[in-house]
Protein backbone atom coordinates (compact mmCIF):
# COMPACT_ATOMS: atom_id res chain seq x y z
CA MET A 1 0.00 0.00 0.00
CA LYS A 2 1.61 3.25 -1.14
CA VAL A 3 1.78 6.31 1.09
CA LYS A 4 -0.81 8.10 -1.07
CA VAL A 5 -3.19 5.15 -0.79
CA ILE A 6 -2.81 5.07 3.02
CA TRP A 7 -3.79 8.74 3.30
CA ILE A 8 -6.71 8.34 0.89
CA THR A 9 -7.94 5.31 2.88
CA LEU A 10 -7.81 7.28 6.14
CA LEU A 11 -9.63 10.21 4.53
CA LEU A 12 -12.35 7.90 3.17
CA CYS A 13 -12.89 6.24 6.56
CA LEU A 14 -13.15 9.67 8.21
CA ILE A 15 -15.72 10.84 5.64
CA TRP A 16 -17.89 7.73 5.83
CA GLY A 17 -17.48 7.38 9.59
CA TYR A 18 -18.70 10.92 10.22
CA ASN A 19 -21.50 10.37 7.70
CA PHE A 20 -23.18 8.00 10.19
CA ILE A 21 -23.72 11.05 12.41
CA VAL A 22 -25.06 13.02 9.44
CA MET A 23 -27.49 10.21 8.57
CA LYS A 24 -28.77 10.10 12.16
CA VAL A 25 -29.47 13.84 12.03
CA ALA A 26 -31.08 13.53 8.58
CA LEU A 27 -33.79 11.23 9.96
CA ASP A 28 -35.25 14.30 11.72
CA PHE A 29 -35.91 15.88 8.32
CA PHE A 30 -36.44 13.16 5.70
CA PRO A 31 -37.76 9.63 5.21
CA PRO A 32 -34.59 7.49 5.13
CA VAL A 33 -34.75 6.12 1.58
CA LEU A 34 -35.80 9.50 0.17
CA PHE A 35 -32.81 11.06 1.92
CA SER A 36 -30.56 8.46 0.27
CA ALA A 37 -32.13 9.28 -3.10
CA PHE A 38 -31.53 13.03 -2.58
CA ARG A 39 -27.99 12.27 -1.45
CA PHE A 40 -27.10 10.26 -4.52
CA PHE A 41 -28.86 12.61 -6.96
CA ILE A 42 -26.72 15.46 -5.62
CA GLY A 43 -23.59 13.29 -5.70
CA SER A 44 -24.20 12.10 -9.25
CA GLY A 45 -25.14 15.62 -10.37
CA ILE A 46 -21.82 17.01 -9.17
CA LEU A 47 -19.94 14.17 -10.86
CA LEU A 48 -21.84 14.64 -14.14
CA LEU A 49 -20.90 18.33 -14.12
CA ILE A 50 -17.26 17.34 -13.64
CA CYS A 51 -17.56 14.85 -16.52
CA PHE A 52 -18.98 17.62 -18.71
CA TYR A 53 -16.19 20.02 -17.68
CA LYS A 54 -13.50 17.39 -18.31
CA ARG A 55 -15.19 16.44 -21.61
CA ILE A 56 -15.53 12.82 -20.59
CA PRO A 57 -17.69 11.07 -23.20
CA LEU A 58 -20.99 9.33 -22.55
CA PRO A 59 -20.74 5.67 -21.52
CA LYS A 60 -20.63 3.07 -24.25
CA LYS A 61 -23.72 0.91 -24.64
CA GLY A 62 -21.85 -2.15 -23.36
CA ASP A 63 -20.64 -0.28 -20.27
CA LEU A 64 -24.12 0.86 -19.25
CA LYS A 65 -25.04 -2.73 -18.45
CA TRP A 66 -22.27 -2.97 -15.85
CA TYR A 67 -22.93 0.54 -14.53
CA THR A 68 -26.58 -0.41 -14.00
CA ILE A 69 -25.71 -3.64 -12.21
CA CYS A 70 -23.27 -1.86 -9.88
CA GLY A 71 -25.66 1.04 -9.28
CA VAL A 72 -28.49 -1.30 -8.31
CA LEU A 73 -26.32 -3.62 -6.22
CA GLN A 74 -24.28 -1.18 -4.16
CA THR A 75 -26.30 2.03 -4.25
CA SER A 76 -29.94 0.89 -4.29
CA TYR A 77 -30.13 -2.64 -2.95
CA VAL A 78 -27.80 -2.18 0.03
CA PHE A 79 -29.61 0.92 1.30
CA ILE A 80 -33.11 -0.54 0.79
CA MET A 81 -32.23 -3.79 2.58
CA ASN A 82 -30.68 -1.86 5.46
CA GLN A 83 -33.74 0.33 5.82
CA LEU A 84 -36.13 -2.63 5.80
CA ALA A 85 -33.99 -4.44 8.38
CA LEU A 86 -33.82 -1.43 10.71
CA GLN A 87 -37.52 -1.91 11.40
CA TYR A 88 -36.65 -5.16 13.19
CA LEU A 89 -32.94 -4.84 14.14
CA ASP A 90 -31.02 -2.21 16.04
CA ALA A 91 -28.57 0.06 14.21
CA GLY A 92 -25.48 -1.57 15.74
CA LEU A 93 -26.32 -5.07 14.52
CA THR A 94 -27.34 -3.75 11.09
CA SER A 95 -24.03 -1.89 10.74
CA LEU A 96 -22.09 -4.97 11.83
CA LEU A 97 -23.80 -7.18 9.25
CA VAL A 98 -23.23 -4.61 6.49
CA TYR A 99 -19.51 -4.59 7.27
CA THR A 100 -19.21 -8.33 6.78
CA MET A 101 -18.70 -7.26 3.15
CA PRO A 102 -14.88 -7.80 3.34
CA ILE A 103 -15.49 -11.48 4.19
CA TRP A 104 -17.74 -11.99 1.15
CA TYR A 105 -15.30 -10.06 -1.02
CA ALA A 106 -12.28 -12.10 0.13
CA PHE A 107 -14.12 -15.36 -0.59
CA LEU A 108 -15.35 -14.26 -4.05
CA ALA A 109 -12.02 -12.66 -5.00
CA ASN A 110 -10.24 -15.95 -4.36
CA PHE A 111 -12.29 -17.62 -7.11
CA PHE A 112 -13.04 -14.84 -9.60
CA ILE A 113 -10.11 -12.42 -9.70
CA GLY A 114 -7.20 -14.46 -8.38
CA GLU A 115 -6.66 -12.67 -5.04
CA ARG A 116 -5.52 -15.64 -2.97
CA LEU A 117 -7.22 -16.12 0.39
CA THR A 118 -4.14 -16.64 2.56
CA SER A 119 -4.06 -17.72 6.20
CA LEU A 120 -2.96 -14.19 7.12
CA LYS A 121 -6.02 -12.71 5.43
CA VAL A 122 -8.31 -15.20 7.17
CA MET A 123 -6.76 -14.29 10.52
CA ALA A 124 -7.10 -10.56 9.81
CA LEU A 125 -10.74 -10.95 8.73
CA ALA A 126 -11.58 -12.98 11.83
CA LEU A 127 -9.92 -10.41 14.09
CA GLY A 128 -11.71 -7.60 12.26
CA ILE A 129 -15.15 -9.15 12.76
CA ILE A 130 -14.40 -9.92 16.43
CA GLY A 131 -13.32 -6.30 16.87
CA LEU A 132 -16.50 -5.13 15.14
CA PHE A 133 -18.65 -7.18 17.54
CA MET A 134 -16.83 -5.52 20.44
CA VAL A 135 -17.05 -2.00 19.00
CA MET A 136 -20.80 -2.43 18.54
CA GLU A 137 -21.05 -4.22 21.92
CA ILE A 138 -23.04 -7.08 20.44
CA ASN A 139 -23.08 -10.51 22.07
CA PRO A 140 -23.38 -13.10 19.25
CA PHE A 141 -24.77 -15.67 21.72
CA GLN A 142 -27.74 -13.44 22.51
CA LEU A 143 -28.85 -12.83 18.93
CA ASN A 144 -32.29 -13.96 17.82
CA TRP A 145 -31.76 -16.38 14.95
CA SER A 146 -35.42 -17.09 14.20
CA GLY A 147 -38.59 -15.57 12.77
CA VAL A 148 -38.69 -12.05 11.39
CA SER A 149 -35.37 -11.18 13.04
CA LEU A 150 -33.62 -13.94 11.07
CA ILE A 151 -35.17 -12.71 7.81
CA ALA A 152 -34.03 -9.16 8.55
CA GLN A 153 -30.48 -10.32 9.31
CA LEU A 154 -30.37 -12.34 6.08
CA ALA A 155 -31.62 -9.26 4.18
CA VAL A 156 -28.72 -7.16 5.50
CA LEU A 157 -26.24 -9.95 4.76
CA SER A 158 -27.59 -10.15 1.21
CA GLY A 159 -26.89 -6.42 0.93
CA ALA A 160 -23.31 -6.96 2.11
CA LEU A 161 -22.95 -9.75 -0.46
CA ALA A 162 -24.37 -7.48 -3.20
CA TRP A 163 -21.83 -4.80 -2.25
CA ALA A 164 -19.04 -7.38 -2.47
CA VAL A 165 -20.24 -8.60 -5.89
CA SER A 166 -20.25 -5.01 -7.15
CA ASN A 167 -16.68 -4.56 -5.96
CA ILE A 168 -15.66 -7.75 -7.75
CA ILE A 169 -17.20 -6.36 -10.96
CA VAL A 170 -15.25 -3.12 -10.50
CA LYS A 171 -11.99 -5.04 -10.07
CA LYS A 172 -12.56 -7.56 -12.85
CA VAL A 173 -14.50 -5.64 -15.52
CA LEU A 174 -14.32 -1.91 -14.83
CA HIS A 175 -10.81 -1.42 -13.45
CA SER A 176 -9.63 0.35 -16.61
CA HIS A 177 -12.73 2.52 -17.04
CA ASN A 178 -12.86 6.21 -16.26
CA ASN A 179 -13.64 6.53 -12.53
CA TRP A 180 -15.48 9.82 -12.94
CA GLN A 181 -17.77 8.41 -15.61
CA PHE A 182 -18.46 5.11 -13.86
CA THR A 183 -19.09 6.66 -10.44
CA ALA A 184 -21.43 9.32 -11.83
CA TYR A 185 -23.64 6.99 -13.85
CA GLN A 186 -23.85 4.10 -11.41
CA MET A 187 -24.78 6.60 -8.68
CA LEU A 188 -27.44 8.23 -10.87
CA ILE A 189 -28.98 4.85 -11.69
CA GLY A 190 -28.97 3.88 -8.02
CA ALA A 191 -30.60 7.19 -7.05
CA ILE A 192 -33.42 6.67 -9.57
CA VAL A 193 -34.19 3.24 -8.08
CA LEU A 194 -34.15 4.67 -4.54
CA LEU A 195 -36.49 7.49 -5.56
CA LEU A 196 -38.89 5.00 -7.13
CA TYR A 197 -38.86 2.90 -3.95
CA SER A 198 -39.50 6.00 -1.81
CA PHE A 199 -42.38 7.07 -4.07
CA LEU A 200 -44.00 3.63 -3.69
CA PHE A 201 -43.41 2.95 0.01
CA GLU A 202 -42.68 6.24 1.82
CA GLN A 203 -45.69 8.29 0.76
CA GLY A 204 -47.22 10.40 3.51
CA GLN A 205 -43.98 10.82 5.47
CA SER A 206 -42.99 14.42 6.11
CA VAL A 207 -40.04 16.31 4.62
CA THR A 208 -38.61 19.37 6.39
CA TRP A 209 -36.47 21.90 4.57
CA ASN A 210 -34.33 24.32 6.57
CA TRP A 211 -30.68 25.31 6.85
CA ASN A 212 -29.77 22.16 8.83
CA SER A 213 -31.51 19.79 6.43
CA VAL A 214 -29.79 21.45 3.46
CA MET A 215 -26.41 21.06 5.15
CA VAL A 216 -26.86 17.34 5.90
CA VAL A 217 -28.00 16.66 2.31
CA PHE A 218 -25.05 18.65 0.98
CA TYR A 219 -22.50 16.78 3.11
CA ALA A 220 -24.00 13.38 2.33
CA GLY A 221 -24.26 14.17 -1.38
CA ALA A 222 -21.17 16.20 -2.17
CA ILE A 223 -18.70 14.78 0.35
CA ALA A 224 -19.89 11.32 1.45
CA SER A 225 -21.15 10.36 -2.03
CA SER A 226 -19.41 12.10 -4.94
CA LEU A 227 -16.00 12.59 -3.31
CA ALA A 228 -16.04 9.44 -1.18
CA PHE A 229 -17.06 7.08 -3.97
CA ILE A 230 -14.43 8.53 -6.30
CA LEU A 231 -11.87 7.80 -3.57
CA TRP A 232 -13.32 4.33 -2.99
CA PHE A 233 -13.19 3.26 -6.64
CA TYR A 234 -9.70 4.72 -6.96
CA LEU A 235 -8.58 2.55 -4.03
CA LEU A 236 -10.25 -0.52 -5.49
CA SER A 237 -8.61 -0.03 -8.88
CA SER A 238 -5.16 0.89 -7.54
CA GLY A 239 -4.46 -1.95 -5.14
CA GLU A 240 -5.44 -5.35 -3.80
CA GLY A 241 -9.16 -5.39 -3.08
CA GLY A 242 -8.85 -7.58 0.01
CA LYS A 243 -6.73 -5.00 1.82
CA THR A 244 -8.92 -2.16 0.64
CA THR A 245 -12.20 -3.73 1.73
CA LEU A 246 -10.81 -4.75 5.13
CA SER A 247 -9.84 -1.13 5.75
CA LEU A 248 -13.57 -0.26 5.73
CA LEU A 249 -13.83 -1.85 9.17
CA LEU A 250 -12.27 1.42 10.34
CA VAL A 251 -15.48 3.25 9.33
CA PRO A 252 -17.51 2.05 12.37
CA VAL A 253 -14.53 3.02 14.56
CA VAL A 254 -14.65 6.57 13.22
CA SER A 255 -18.44 6.54 13.61
CA ILE A 256 -18.22 5.61 17.30
CA LEU A 257 -15.56 8.29 17.90
CA SER A 258 -17.67 10.87 16.02
CA GLY A 259 -20.67 10.03 18.18
CA TRP A 260 -18.54 10.54 21.27
CA ILE A 261 -17.19 13.89 20.05
CA PHE A 262 -20.32 15.42 18.49
CA LEU A 263 -23.28 13.67 20.15
CA ASP A 264 -21.86 13.04 23.64
CA GLU A 265 -22.29 9.29 23.19
CA ILE A 266 -20.43 7.05 25.64
CA ILE A 267 -17.46 4.92 24.57
CA THR A 268 -17.04 1.83 26.72
CA PHE A 269 -13.86 -0.07 27.50
CA THR A 270 -15.14 -2.96 25.35
CA SER A 271 -15.49 -0.63 22.35
CA ILE A 272 -11.96 0.68 22.85
CA ILE A 273 -10.57 -2.88 22.88
CA GLY A 274 -12.59 -3.63 19.73
CA MET A 275 -11.09 -0.59 17.98
CA MET A 276 -7.59 -1.77 18.87
CA ILE A 277 -8.35 -5.24 17.47
CA ILE A 278 -9.63 -3.73 14.19
CA LEU A 279 -6.46 -1.65 13.91
CA LEU A 280 -4.42 -4.81 14.53
CA ALA A 281 -6.35 -6.65 11.79
CA ASN A 282 -5.59 -3.88 9.30
CA GLY A 283 -1.97 -3.86 10.38
CA LEU A 284 -1.65 -7.61 9.74
CA VAL A 285 -2.68 -7.46 6.08
CA ASN A 286 -0.62 -4.32 5.46
CA VAL A 287 2.49 -5.27 7.46
CA ARG A 288 4.73 -5.51 4.41
CA ASP A 289 3.51 -2.17 3.07
CA LEU A 290 4.01 -0.54 6.46
CA LYS A 291 7.58 -1.84 6.53
CA GLY A 292 8.10 -0.40 3.06
CA PHE A 293 6.64 2.90 4.20
CA ARG A 294 9.08 3.03 7.14
CA SER A 295 12.01 2.17 4.87
CA GLN A 296 10.95 4.91 2.46
CA LYS A 297 10.75 7.45 5.28
CA LYS A 298 14.16 6.34 6.60
CA GLU A 299 15.69 6.80 3.13
CA GLN A 300 14.22 10.28 2.90
CA VAL A 301 15.63 11.19 6.32
CA ASP A 302 19.06 9.79 5.38
CA LYS A 303 19.09 11.78 2.12
CA ALA A 304 18.07 14.94 3.95
CA SER A 305 20.83 14.49 6.54
CA THR A 306 23.50 14.18 3.83
CA LEU A 307 22.53 17.46 2.17
């Protein structure tokens, strides 16, 4: 992992981690799926303007098929499944199940794109999920694995799997495509599906427009969607997907810290231990790159001292 990639990964986790706070606030103003639709319409609109400014051509007919699949899988389906599940599951468990995506990705990547599932990766994934359970303070032995609760959990897991499949498509089929073009059109397609869902199932729910609601939509659309997804697809196309997807386990860590800083939420000792385990998991899969980073810094210091 190059130095630039490390900084971009940290920036992405900060943006998406803080966005959990923004989404909590947004529920005071919008129905949840409609908010997601607004968010992605704004994000795609900004990206389409950039495409126009950069004179990036319209997608080819063959590319639109893949853009549609990715837009539906990772923009529409994931958010709809999460919202349906939140009626029966708490937010912590829903978030945990969503972030099982790196496990699904690692398994699929082993078979479809040749990213070998090594024992070190398995260990890092296991540690990451254990850390996630601790961060969310969820006891796996107390979960309800029956009835409606089971269906809701499977729905969220299917969303995590859909997200992983979309990332596999990006790595295998779309890695050489223009990131601006792909991100803009898949996001637009996903937003249209979300708006259609909201029109069918969220009618009658109130929408409040004021300065605060405009700000949360702007952050979620311009920063957490257009900018963040450009960064995300850049990371996917520039390095090994297994390392990149595992780094997303840092997003709930940032979310917990953001809640503590901005919403006065309490961080327990268990959550702190879970954060440390997640950091350890990321360190395991990136240990060689971290060594290279240290060597690079040492060489720079040595050159500077000889001047």
